[in-house]
Amino acid sequence: MTRDFVSVGAVDGTLLHEELFQRISVLKKEMNALILAHYYTVPEVQQVADIVGDSLALARAAEKNSADVIVFAGVYFMAETAKLLNPGKLVLMPDSHAGCPLADSCPPVEFRKFKELHPEALVITYINSTAEIKALSDITCTSSNAEHIIRQIPEEQPIIFAPDKNLGGYLARKLHREMFIWQGCCYVHDAFTEPYILQACREHPDAELIAHPECREEVLRHASFIGSTQALLLHTESSSAQSFIVATEPGILYEMQKRSPGKIFIPAPKDRNNPHSLCTQMKQNTLQKLYECMQNRSPEINVPEMLQSAALKPIRRMLDMSA
């Protein structure tokens, strides 16, 4: 694997990148560990991971592996999902404070009341949700498989979709479905607005605008391609376009550039002064923290026993319906 990062001098006990790569490699063998990383993490973490992917790919990897230890570089709900799928395994996370504001925007007490308003509805929740919310759900989904899953639900069946209003709205419009949508959003994707997207399109007239469905409708209407993180990546490989304005978290640009080195990738602007809309929680997963969590076998991720069965059920149903 090519490593193209410049090592900096050790400060306050922080190791050089190359030494961290080596130590992590040794620990991985000693522990029989599998390192999973999301596309939105920093490039050096992606480099050291065994599998880099979006939420669906990482859930599948967490489900089927022979590792004794799973190290999840992502945000908390992802590591929590891995633990639900592997209750007998040690699941570690570089920074247990790397949460997800979208997941946090759906408190269980309030969501239970929302469900009671629509007792006839099937509850489909985005994987960007807590174990408590999954335990109140019928099916979990990701942006990669949400459309595929909803198409399997009878048209007369009303649906509650939570917690992302932009993804839910996109699916309701595209599939012409009655959906009761929880009003949460991903701050990274909701930050993209029409004026700055159109300005970027004017500045880069040859670039193709591609967008994640968690973006606002006002942004999606201008995109030539809409898809999950993985779908956006695959599209940039197959498209004849040579430059792209990418309306999602810019961590994916590392893999896009890696796969298509001759193409140009422009992160969609957040506003006049902030050209990137970053997920600061994903960026909390550093190479140093990854090494330390493996060395110390901490922070360990656990799910309360009372939630495990109920929270696992919609995840299993998702995986079965996505096969």
Protein backbone atom coordinates (compact mmCIF):
# COMPACT_ATOMS: atom_id res chain seq x y z
CA MET A 1 0.00 0.00 0.00
CA THR A 2 1.36 3.38 -0.99
CA ARG A 3 1.85 5.81 1.86
CA ASP A 4 2.25 9.39 0.80
CA PHE A 5 2.10 11.27 4.09
CA VAL A 6 4.88 13.42 5.46
CA SER A 7 5.81 12.42 9.00
CA VAL A 8 6.16 15.21 11.49
CA GLY A 9 8.34 15.30 14.56
CA ALA A 10 7.03 13.69 17.71
CA VAL A 11 5.35 16.15 20.05
CA ASP A 12 4.08 15.29 23.55
CA GLY A 13 4.54 11.59 22.93
CA THR A 14 2.87 11.61 19.51
CA LEU A 15 4.54 9.07 17.23
CA LEU A 16 5.58 9.60 13.64
CA HIS A 17 3.15 8.30 11.03
CA GLU A 18 5.47 5.60 9.76
CA GLU A 19 6.09 4.30 13.27
CA LEU A 20 2.35 4.31 13.93
CA PHE A 21 1.71 2.34 10.74
CA GLN A 22 4.24 -0.26 11.86
CA ARG A 23 2.97 -0.52 15.44
CA ILE A 24 -0.65 -0.78 14.31
CA SER A 25 0.32 -3.55 11.89
CA VAL A 26 1.99 -5.51 14.70
CA LEU A 27 -0.95 -5.04 17.06
CA LYS A 28 -3.42 -6.05 14.37
CA LYS A 29 -1.69 -9.42 13.98
CA GLU A 30 -1.29 -9.96 17.73
CA MET A 31 -4.94 -9.19 18.41
CA ASN A 32 -6.39 -10.74 15.25
CA ALA A 33 -8.07 -7.37 14.74
CA LEU A 34 -10.08 -6.03 11.83
CA ILE A 35 -9.83 -2.27 11.27
CA LEU A 36 -12.88 -0.66 9.65
CA ALA A 37 -12.89 2.98 8.56
CA HIS A 38 -15.47 5.24 6.98
CA TYR A 39 -14.69 7.24 3.85
CA TYR A 40 -15.05 10.45 5.86
CA THR A 41 -12.13 9.73 8.19
CA VAL A 42 -8.72 11.31 7.59
CA PRO A 43 -6.61 9.75 4.79
CA GLU A 44 -3.97 8.19 7.03
CA VAL A 45 -6.66 6.29 8.95
CA GLN A 46 -8.14 5.10 5.65
CA GLN A 47 -4.70 3.90 4.64
CA VAL A 48 -4.19 1.68 7.65
CA ALA A 49 -7.72 0.21 7.59
CA ASP A 50 -8.46 -3.28 6.31
CA ILE A 51 -11.78 -2.12 4.87
CA VAL A 52 -12.83 1.42 3.97
CA GLY A 53 -16.43 1.96 3.01
CA ASP A 54 -19.79 3.57 3.57
CA SER A 55 -22.21 2.54 6.30
CA LEU A 56 -23.69 -0.42 4.40
CA ALA A 57 -20.33 -1.87 3.35
CA LEU A 58 -18.98 -1.50 6.88
CA ALA A 59 -22.08 -3.12 8.41
CA ARG A 60 -21.63 -6.07 6.08
CA ALA A 61 -17.94 -6.28 6.95
CA ALA A 62 -18.79 -6.16 10.66
CA GLU A 63 -21.33 -8.95 10.17
CA LYS A 64 -19.06 -11.43 8.41
CA ASN A 65 -15.47 -11.65 9.59
CA SER A 66 -13.16 -14.00 11.47
CA ALA A 67 -11.52 -11.33 13.64
CA ASP A 68 -11.44 -11.47 17.43
CA VAL A 69 -11.39 -7.69 17.72
CA ILE A 70 -13.10 -5.03 15.61
CA VAL A 71 -11.60 -1.54 15.62
CA PHE A 72 -14.10 0.93 14.17
CA ALA A 73 -12.87 4.32 12.98
CA GLY A 74 -16.10 6.18 12.41
CA VAL A 75 -18.80 7.68 14.61
CA TYR A 76 -20.43 6.08 17.62
CA PHE A 77 -23.53 4.56 16.01
CA MET A 78 -21.29 2.66 13.56
CA ALA A 79 -19.25 1.01 16.30
CA GLU A 80 -22.49 0.37 18.19
CA THR A 81 -23.88 -1.43 15.12
CA ALA A 82 -20.73 -3.54 14.89
CA LYS A 83 -21.16 -4.52 18.56
CA LEU A 84 -24.80 -5.46 18.01
CA LEU A 85 -23.70 -7.76 15.18
CA ASN A 86 -20.84 -9.16 17.27
CA PRO A 87 -21.96 -9.28 20.92
CA GLY A 88 -19.17 -11.69 21.88
CA LYS A 89 -16.34 -9.71 20.30
CA LEU A 90 -14.29 -6.82 21.60
CA VAL A 91 -15.28 -3.69 19.65
CA LEU A 92 -13.00 -0.70 20.02
CA MET A 93 -13.29 2.90 18.81
CA PRO A 94 -10.42 5.42 18.62
CA ASP A 95 -12.54 8.19 20.15
CA SER A 96 -15.76 7.25 21.90
CA HIS A 97 -16.78 10.93 21.90
CA ALA A 98 -17.03 10.91 18.10
CA GLY A 99 -20.80 11.04 18.05
CA CYS A 100 -23.35 11.87 15.38
CA PRO A 101 -25.49 15.01 15.81
CA LEU A 102 -28.02 13.56 13.35
CA ALA A 103 -28.48 10.49 15.56
CA ASP A 104 -28.65 12.72 18.64
CA SER A 105 -31.41 14.81 17.04
CA CYS A 106 -33.88 11.97 17.59
CA PRO A 107 -34.41 11.47 21.36
CA PRO A 108 -36.07 8.09 22.16
CA VAL A 109 -38.79 9.60 24.37
CA GLU A 110 -39.84 12.06 21.68
CA PHE A 111 -39.59 9.46 18.92
CA ARG A 112 -41.82 7.07 20.85
CA LYS A 113 -44.46 9.83 20.99
CA PHE A 114 -44.02 10.40 17.24
CA LYS A 115 -44.64 6.69 16.62
CA GLU A 116 -47.81 6.82 18.69
CA LEU A 117 -49.20 9.51 16.38
CA HIS A 118 -48.92 7.08 13.45
CA PRO A 119 -49.65 3.61 14.85
CA GLU A 120 -50.34 2.14 11.40
CA ALA A 121 -46.91 3.10 10.03
CA LEU A 122 -43.92 0.84 9.48
CA VAL A 123 -40.83 2.39 11.05
CA ILE A 124 -37.75 2.62 8.85
CA THR A 125 -34.79 4.33 10.45
CA TYR A 126 -31.56 5.44 8.90
CA ILE A 127 -28.54 3.62 10.29
CA ASN A 128 -27.39 7.05 11.55
CA SER A 129 -29.39 6.46 14.71
CA THR A 130 -28.80 5.26 18.25
CA ALA A 131 -29.41 1.72 19.50
CA GLU A 132 -32.42 3.08 21.43
CA ILE A 133 -33.99 4.33 18.19
CA LYS A 134 -33.16 1.12 16.33
CA ALA A 135 -34.92 -0.79 19.12
CA LEU A 136 -38.08 1.21 18.30
CA SER A 137 -37.80 0.44 14.56
CA ASP A 138 -38.92 -2.24 12.14
CA ILE A 139 -36.15 -1.88 9.57
CA THR A 140 -32.84 -0.04 9.46
CA CYS A 141 -31.50 1.34 6.17
CA THR A 142 -28.53 3.22 4.75
CA SER A 143 -28.42 5.75 1.94
CA SER A 144 -27.12 2.92 -0.27
CA ASN A 145 -30.08 0.60 0.22
CA ALA A 146 -32.98 2.81 1.41
CA GLU A 147 -34.65 2.97 -2.00
CA HIS A 148 -34.21 -0.78 -2.55
CA ILE A 149 -35.75 -1.54 0.85
CA ILE A 150 -38.71 0.83 0.49
CA ARG A 151 -39.54 -0.62 -2.92
CA GLN A 152 -40.09 -3.96 -1.16
CA ILE A 153 -42.73 -2.44 1.15
CA PRO A 154 -46.35 -2.61 -0.15
CA GLU A 155 -47.40 0.75 -1.60
CA GLU A 156 -50.44 1.01 0.69
CA GLN A 157 -48.24 0.71 3.78
CA PRO A 158 -47.53 4.11 5.36
CA ILE A 159 -43.97 4.62 6.56
CA ILE A 160 -42.29 6.56 9.34
CA PHE A 161 -38.81 7.59 8.24
CA ALA A 162 -36.24 8.91 10.70
CA PRO A 163 -34.15 10.78 11.52
CA ASP A 164 -32.94 12.58 8.34
CA LYS A 165 -35.59 14.83 6.78
CA ASN A 166 -33.61 15.47 3.59
CA LEU A 167 -33.04 11.79 2.81
CA GLY A 168 -36.61 11.00 3.78
CA GLY A 169 -37.95 13.79 1.57
CA TYR A 170 -35.83 12.65 -1.36
CA LEU A 171 -37.13 9.08 -1.05
CA ALA A 172 -40.76 10.18 -0.62
CA ARG A 173 -40.57 12.36 -3.74
CA LYS A 174 -38.77 9.78 -5.87
CA LEU A 175 -40.88 6.80 -4.85
CA HIS A 176 -44.20 8.69 -4.48
CA ARG A 177 -44.70 7.22 -1.01
CA GLU A 178 -46.67 8.41 1.98
CA MET A 179 -44.05 8.96 4.66
CA PHE A 180 -44.12 10.61 8.06
CA ILE A 181 -40.66 12.13 8.34
CA TRP A 182 -38.77 13.02 11.50
CA GLN A 183 -37.25 16.49 11.13
CA GLY A 184 -33.57 15.83 11.81
CA CYS A 185 -30.68 16.54 9.47
CA CYS A 186 -26.98 15.94 8.93
CA TYR A 187 -25.29 19.27 9.57
CA VAL A 188 -22.58 18.46 7.01
CA HIS A 189 -24.98 17.95 4.10
CA ASP A 190 -27.65 20.43 5.19
CA ALA A 191 -25.00 23.16 5.11
CA PHE A 192 -24.92 23.15 1.30
CA THR A 193 -27.25 25.81 -0.09
CA GLU A 194 -28.41 26.67 -3.57
CA PRO A 195 -26.65 30.04 -3.99
CA TYR A 196 -23.17 28.70 -3.24
CA ILE A 197 -23.74 25.51 -5.22
CA LEU A 198 -24.79 27.54 -8.26
CA GLN A 199 -21.80 29.82 -7.77
CA ALA A 200 -19.51 26.76 -7.80
CA CYS A 201 -21.20 25.53 -10.98
CA ARG A 202 -20.59 28.89 -12.65
CA GLU A 203 -16.94 28.88 -11.56
CA HIS A 204 -16.48 25.32 -12.85
CA PRO A 205 -18.80 25.08 -15.88
CA ASP A 206 -17.27 21.82 -17.12
CA ALA A 207 -17.66 20.05 -13.77
CA GLU A 208 -20.48 17.62 -13.08
CA LEU A 209 -22.39 18.31 -9.86
CA ILE A 210 -22.98 15.14 -7.84
CA ALA A 211 -24.72 15.09 -4.46
CA HIS A 212 -25.58 12.90 -1.51
CA PRO A 213 -29.36 12.56 -0.84
CA GLU A 214 -28.89 14.00 2.65
CA CYS A 215 -28.51 17.39 0.92
CA ARG A 216 -31.38 19.84 0.72
CA GLU A 217 -33.89 19.56 -2.13
CA GLU A 218 -32.72 22.96 -3.42
CA VAL A 219 -29.28 21.43 -3.99
CA LEU A 220 -30.43 18.04 -5.27
CA ARG A 221 -32.50 19.60 -8.04
CA HIS A 222 -29.31 20.85 -9.70
CA ALA A 223 -27.32 17.61 -9.40
CA SER A 224 -26.78 15.42 -12.43
CA PHE A 225 -26.28 12.41 -10.15
CA ILE A 226 -27.60 11.71 -6.65
CA GLY A 227 -26.35 8.80 -4.61
CA SER A 228 -24.86 7.41 -1.44
CA THR A 229 -21.18 7.91 -0.68
CA GLN A 230 -20.36 4.60 -2.35
CA ALA A 231 -22.60 5.38 -5.35
CA LEU A 232 -20.93 8.78 -5.80
CA LEU A 233 -17.53 7.12 -5.75
CA LEU A 234 -18.50 4.53 -8.36
CA HIS A 235 -20.11 7.21 -10.53
CA THR A 236 -16.91 9.26 -10.66
CA GLU A 237 -15.10 6.17 -11.92
CA SER A 238 -17.58 5.40 -14.69
CA SER A 239 -18.58 8.93 -15.76
CA SER A 240 -16.98 10.43 -18.85
CA ALA A 241 -16.76 13.76 -17.01
CA GLN A 242 -13.25 14.83 -16.07
CA SER A 243 -14.17 17.10 -13.17
CA PHE A 244 -16.77 16.94 -10.41
CA ILE A 245 -18.25 19.22 -7.78
CA VAL A 246 -18.88 16.83 -4.92
CA ALA A 247 -21.67 17.74 -2.47
CA THR A 248 -20.86 15.46 0.44
CA GLU A 249 -18.25 15.25 3.21
CA PRO A 250 -14.88 15.85 1.46
CA GLY A 251 -13.19 12.86 3.09
CA ILE A 252 -14.43 10.79 0.13
CA LEU A 253 -12.30 12.89 -2.24
CA TYR A 254 -9.21 10.98 -1.08
CA GLU A 255 -10.59 7.69 -2.44
CA MET A 256 -12.02 9.37 -5.55
CA GLN A 257 -8.62 10.86 -6.42
CA LYS A 258 -6.94 7.54 -5.66
CA ARG A 259 -9.20 5.65 -8.06
CA SER A 260 -9.30 8.33 -10.77
CA PRO A 261 -5.97 10.18 -10.55
CA GLY A 262 -6.50 12.00 -13.83
CA LYS A 263 -9.77 13.60 -12.80
CA ILE A 264 -10.45 16.76 -10.80
CA PHE A 265 -12.58 16.73 -7.63
CA ILE A 266 -13.90 19.97 -6.18
CA PRO A 267 -15.50 19.93 -2.72
CA ALA A 268 -18.85 21.69 -2.80
CA PRO A 269 -18.58 25.02 -0.93
CA LYS A 270 -20.32 25.45 2.40
CA ASP A 271 -20.28 29.24 2.21
CA ARG A 272 -18.09 32.13 1.11
CA ASN A 273 -15.49 31.59 3.83
CA ASN A 274 -15.65 27.81 4.28
CA PRO A 275 -14.96 25.83 1.11
CA HIS A 276 -15.43 22.51 2.97
CA SER A 277 -18.32 21.18 5.03
CA LEU A 278 -16.50 18.82 7.39
CA CYS A 279 -17.76 16.19 9.79
CA THR A 280 -15.65 17.13 12.78
CA GLN A 281 -16.70 13.96 14.59
CA MET A 282 -15.27 11.74 11.85
CA LYS A 283 -12.04 13.72 11.96
CA GLN A 284 -11.68 12.89 15.67
CA ASN A 285 -10.44 9.46 14.55
CA THR A 286 -6.70 10.08 14.30
CA LEU A 287 -3.90 7.61 13.64
CA GLN A 288 -2.51 8.24 17.14
CA LYS A 289 -5.88 7.51 18.77
CA LEU A 290 -6.30 4.41 16.63
CA TYR A 291 -2.97 3.06 17.85
CA GLU A 292 -3.69 3.95 21.47
CA CYS A 293 -7.11 2.30 21.48
CA MET A 294 -5.56 -0.92 20.16
CA GLN A 295 -2.67 -0.74 22.61
CA ASN A 296 -4.95 -0.06 25.59
CA ARG A 297 -7.95 -2.10 24.33
CA SER A 298 -10.05 0.94 25.13
CA PRO A 299 -12.44 2.72 24.58
CA GLU A 300 -14.56 -0.41 24.36
CA ILE A 301 -18.06 -0.15 22.87
CA ASN A 302 -20.92 -1.92 24.61
CA VAL A 303 -24.68 -1.93 24.18
CA PRO A 304 -26.98 -2.43 27.19
CA GLU A 305 -28.26 -6.00 27.27
CA MET A 306 -31.87 -4.83 27.47
CA LEU A 307 -31.49 -3.16 24.03
CA GLN A 308 -29.46 -5.76 22.18
CA SER A 309 -32.18 -8.02 20.80
CA ALA A 310 -34.60 -5.27 19.82
CA ALA A 311 -31.89 -3.07 18.24
CA LEU A 312 -30.38 -5.97 16.30
CA LYS A 313 -33.65 -7.07 14.73
CA PRO A 314 -34.05 -4.12 12.28
CA ILE A 315 -30.36 -4.36 11.33
CA ARG A 316 -30.72 -8.04 10.50
CA ARG A 317 -33.84 -7.29 8.50
CA MET A 318 -31.95 -4.61 6.56
CA LEU A 319 -29.13 -7.00 5.72
CA ASP A 320 -31.58 -9.71 4.66
CA MET A 321 -33.51 -7.29 2.43
CA SER A 322 -30.27 -5.98 0.90
CA ALA A 323 -28.89 -9.39 -0.07
